[in-house]
C-alpha atoms as a PDB file:
ATOM      1  CA  MET A   1     -25.110 -13.359  -1.954  1.00  0.00           C
ATOM      2  CA  THR A   2     -21.451 -12.371  -1.531  1.00  0.00           C
ATOM      3  CA  PHE A   3     -20.275  -8.563  -0.591  1.00  0.00           C
ATOM      4  CA  LYS A   4     -18.583  -7.518  -3.533  1.00  0.00           C
ATOM      5  CA  PRO A   5     -16.233  -4.623  -3.103  1.00  0.00           C
ATOM      6  CA  ALA A   6     -15.637  -4.148  -6.486  1.00  0.00           C
ATOM      7  CA  VAL A   7     -19.688  -3.541  -7.160  1.00  0.00           C
ATOM      8  CA  TRP A   8     -20.143  -1.425  -4.127  1.00  0.00           C
ATOM      9  CA  ARG A   9     -16.735   0.814  -4.143  1.00  0.00           C
ATOM     10  CA  PRO A  10     -17.714   2.830  -7.566  1.00  0.00           C
ATOM     11  CA  ILE A  11     -21.140   2.872  -5.952  1.00  0.00           C
ATOM     12  CA  ALA A  12     -20.330   4.592  -2.965  1.00  0.00           C
ATOM     13  CA  ALA A  13     -17.965   7.027  -4.678  1.00  0.00           C
ATOM     14  CA  VAL A  14     -20.674   8.191  -7.007  1.00  0.00           C
ATOM     15  CA  VAL A  15     -23.106   8.471  -4.107  1.00  0.00           C
ATOM     16  CA  SER A  16     -20.410  10.489  -2.200  1.00  0.00           C
ATOM     17  CA  MET A  17     -20.002  12.633  -5.321  1.00  0.00           C
ATOM     18  CA  VAL A  18     -24.074  13.042  -5.886  1.00  0.00           C
ATOM     19  CA  ASN A  19     -24.144  14.396  -1.899  1.00  0.00           C
ATOM     20  CA  ILE A  20     -21.027  17.026  -2.234  1.00  0.00           C
ATOM     21  CA  VAL A  21     -23.302  18.558  -5.311  1.00  0.00           C
ATOM     22  CA  ALA A  22     -26.282  18.215  -2.911  1.00  0.00           C
ATOM     23  CA  ALA A  23     -24.514  19.821  -0.111  1.00  0.00           C
ATOM     24  CA  GLY A  24     -23.943  22.763  -2.954  1.00  0.00           C
ATOM     25  CA  PHE A  25     -27.436  23.418  -3.730  1.00  0.00           C
ATOM     26  CA  ALA A  26     -28.431  23.254  -0.284  1.00  0.00           C
ATOM     27  CA  ALA A  27     -26.229  25.683   0.769  1.00  0.00           C
ATOM     28  CA  GLY A  28     -26.636  27.868  -1.938  1.00  0.00           C
ATOM     29  CA  SER A  29     -30.554  27.750  -0.680  1.00  0.00           C
ATOM     30  CA  THR A  30     -29.557  28.847   2.863  1.00  0.00           C
ATOM     31  CA  GLU A  31     -30.563  25.623   4.495  1.00  0.00           C
ATOM     32  CA  PRO A  32     -27.601  25.251   6.674  1.00  0.00           C
ATOM     33  CA  TRP A  33     -28.804  21.669   8.215  1.00  0.00           C
ATOM     34  CA  HIS A  34     -29.665  20.784   4.852  1.00  0.00           C
ATOM     35  CA  ALA A  35     -26.174  21.194   3.412  1.00  0.00           C
ATOM     36  CA  ALA A  36     -24.346  19.889   6.963  1.00  0.00           C
ATOM     37  CA  THR A  37     -26.420  16.243   6.117  1.00  0.00           C
ATOM     38  CA  HIS A  38     -25.462  15.875   2.306  1.00  0.00           C
ATOM     39  CA  ALA A  39     -21.572  17.121   3.370  1.00  0.00           C
ATOM     40  CA  ALA A  40     -21.627  14.446   6.290  1.00  0.00           C
ATOM     41  CA  LEU A  41     -22.876  11.823   3.633  1.00  0.00           C
ATOM     42  CA  ALA A  42     -20.416  12.738   1.236  1.00  0.00           C
ATOM     43  CA  VAL A  43     -17.735  12.407   3.683  1.00  0.00           C
ATOM     44  CA  ALA A  44     -18.891   9.138   4.778  1.00  0.00           C
ATOM     45  CA  PHE A  45     -19.265   7.676   1.586  1.00  0.00           C
ATOM     46  CA  GLY A  46     -16.396   9.003   0.374  1.00  0.00           C
ATOM     47  CA  LEU A  47     -14.502   7.237   3.626  1.00  0.00           C
ATOM     48  CA  TRP A  48     -16.550   3.975   2.749  1.00  0.00           C
ATOM     49  CA  ALA A  49     -15.080   4.172  -0.915  1.00  0.00           C
ATOM     50  CA  GLN A  50     -11.598   4.477   0.553  1.00  0.00           C
ATOM     51  CA  HIS A  51     -11.954   1.718   2.796  1.00  0.00           C
ATOM     52  CA  LEU A  52     -13.318  -0.653  -0.324  1.00  0.00           C
ATOM     53  CA  ARG A  53     -10.276   0.230  -2.333  1.00  0.00           C
ATOM     54  CA  ALA A  54      -7.930  -0.602   0.850  1.00  0.00           C
ATOM     55  CA  GLY A  55      -9.576  -3.980   0.930  1.00  0.00           C
ATOM     56  CA  PRO A  56      -9.466  -5.004   4.270  1.00  0.00           C
ATOM     57  CA  GLY A  57     -11.903  -7.737   4.056  1.00  0.00           C
ATOM     58  CA  GLY A  58     -11.348  -8.772   0.690  1.00  0.00           C
ATOM     59  CA  SER A  59     -11.180 -12.134  -0.206  1.00  0.00           C
ATOM     60  CA  GLU A  60      -7.695 -11.797  -1.439  1.00  0.00           C
ATOM     61  CA  ARG A  61      -5.931 -10.671   1.683  1.00  0.00           C
ATOM     62  CA  PRO A  62      -6.805 -13.277   3.806  1.00  0.00           C
ATOM     63  CA  ALA A  63      -5.875 -16.209   0.922  1.00  0.00           C
ATOM     64  CA  ARG A  64      -2.531 -14.529   0.545  1.00  0.00           C
ATOM     65  CA  LEU A  65      -1.853 -14.315   4.276  1.00  0.00           C
ATOM     66  CA  GLU A  66      -3.018 -17.933   4.447  1.00  0.00           C
ATOM     67  CA  ASP A  67      -0.551 -18.731   1.860  1.00  0.00           C
ATOM     68  CA  ILE A  68       2.377 -16.957   3.730  1.00  0.00           C
ATOM     69  CA  GLU A  69       1.508 -18.684   7.101  1.00  0.00           C
ATOM     70  CA  ALA A  70       1.772 -22.106   5.547  1.00  0.00           C
ATOM     71  CA  GLU A  71       4.822 -21.127   3.976  1.00  0.00           C
ATOM     72  CA  LEU A  72       6.422 -20.280   7.085  1.00  0.00           C
ATOM     73  CA  GLY A  73       5.134 -23.432   9.106  1.00  0.00           C
ATOM     74  CA  THR A  74       6.930 -25.260   6.288  1.00  0.00           C
ATOM     75  CA  LEU A  75      10.015 -23.253   6.705  1.00  0.00           C
ATOM     76  CA  ARG A  76       9.949 -23.718  10.242  1.00  0.00           C
ATOM     77  CA  GLN A  77       9.728 -27.618   9.975  1.00  0.00           C
ATOM     78  CA  GLU A  78      12.375 -27.562   7.818  1.00  0.00           C
ATOM     79  CA  LEU A  79      14.873 -25.329  10.010  1.00  0.00           C
ATOM     80  CA  MET A  80      14.002 -27.624  12.976  1.00  0.00           C
ATOM     81  CA  GLU A  81      14.834 -30.787  10.867  1.00  0.00           C
ATOM     82  CA  THR A  82      18.363 -29.122   9.875  1.00  0.00           C
ATOM     83  CA  GLN A  83      19.425 -27.912  13.269  1.00  0.00           C
ATOM     84  CA  GLU A  84      18.353 -31.573  14.531  1.00  0.00           C
ATOM     85  CA  ARG A  85      20.760 -32.604  11.944  1.00  0.00           C
ATOM     86  CA  LEU A  86      23.297 -30.507  12.648  1.00  0.00           C
ATOM     87  CA  ASP A  87      23.224 -31.545  16.366  1.00  0.00           C
ATOM     88  CA  PHE A  88      23.194 -35.406  15.271  1.00  0.00           C
ATOM     89  CA  THR A  89      26.603 -34.197  13.298  1.00  0.00           C
ATOM     90  CA  GLU A  90      28.318 -32.440  16.050  1.00  0.00           C
ATOM     91  CA  ARG A  91      27.340 -35.529  18.653  1.00  0.00           C
ATOM     92  CA  MET A  92      28.500 -38.071  16.273  1.00  0.00           C
ATOM     93  CA  LEU A  93      31.712 -35.574  15.428  1.00  0.00           C
ATOM     94  CA  ALA A  94      32.313 -35.650  19.519  1.00  0.00           C
ATOM     95  CA  GLN A  95      31.966 -39.272  19.990  1.00  0.00           C
ATOM     96  CA  ALA A  96      34.039 -40.150  17.376  1.00  0.00           C
ATOM     97  CA  PRO A  97      37.583 -41.804  18.459  1.00  0.00           C
ATOM     98  CA  GLU A  98      40.554 -40.037  17.369  1.00  0.00           C
ATOM     99  CA  PRO A  99      42.169 -41.434  14.372  1.00  0.00           C
ATOM    100  CA  ARG A 100      45.243 -43.971  14.830  1.00  0.00           C
ATOM    101  CA  ARG A 101      47.814 -42.116  13.156  1.00  0.00           C
ATOM    102  CA  VAL A 102      50.912 -43.758  11.727  1.00  0.00           C
ATOM    103  CA  GLU A 103      54.182 -43.279  13.846  1.00  0.00           C
ATOM    104  CA  PRO A 104      57.166 -42.235  10.975  1.00  0.00           C
ATOM    105  CA  GLU A 105      60.001 -44.883  10.715  1.00  0.00           C
ATOM    106  CA  ARG A 106      63.545 -44.161  12.391  1.00  0.00           C
END
C-alpha cells in the first residue's frame, strides 16, 4: 500500500477544520486546555495539508528531477565531445604547413 498525498490532503484539511470548530466549542464552555489542544491539532493538520500540497515527497518531483539529471548528463557528454573536436581542429590547423604561394610573373 503506497502513501497517496492526493487522498490524504483533503483528509488533513477536513480534520483541521473540525478541530477549529471544536476549539471554538471548547473555548465557549470555558475549558482552556481543551480548546488549546484542539487549536494545536488544527494548526498541525493544517500545516500537514500544506506540506502535502507542496509535494516534497510526491512521486512527480523525483521523476522529473531524474529526467533533468539525465538530460544534464547528456548535455555534458555532448559538450565534452564538442570541446575535443575543437581541440583537434585547433591542433590540425596549428600543424598544417603554410600553403605554397605562387610568385607573380614579372
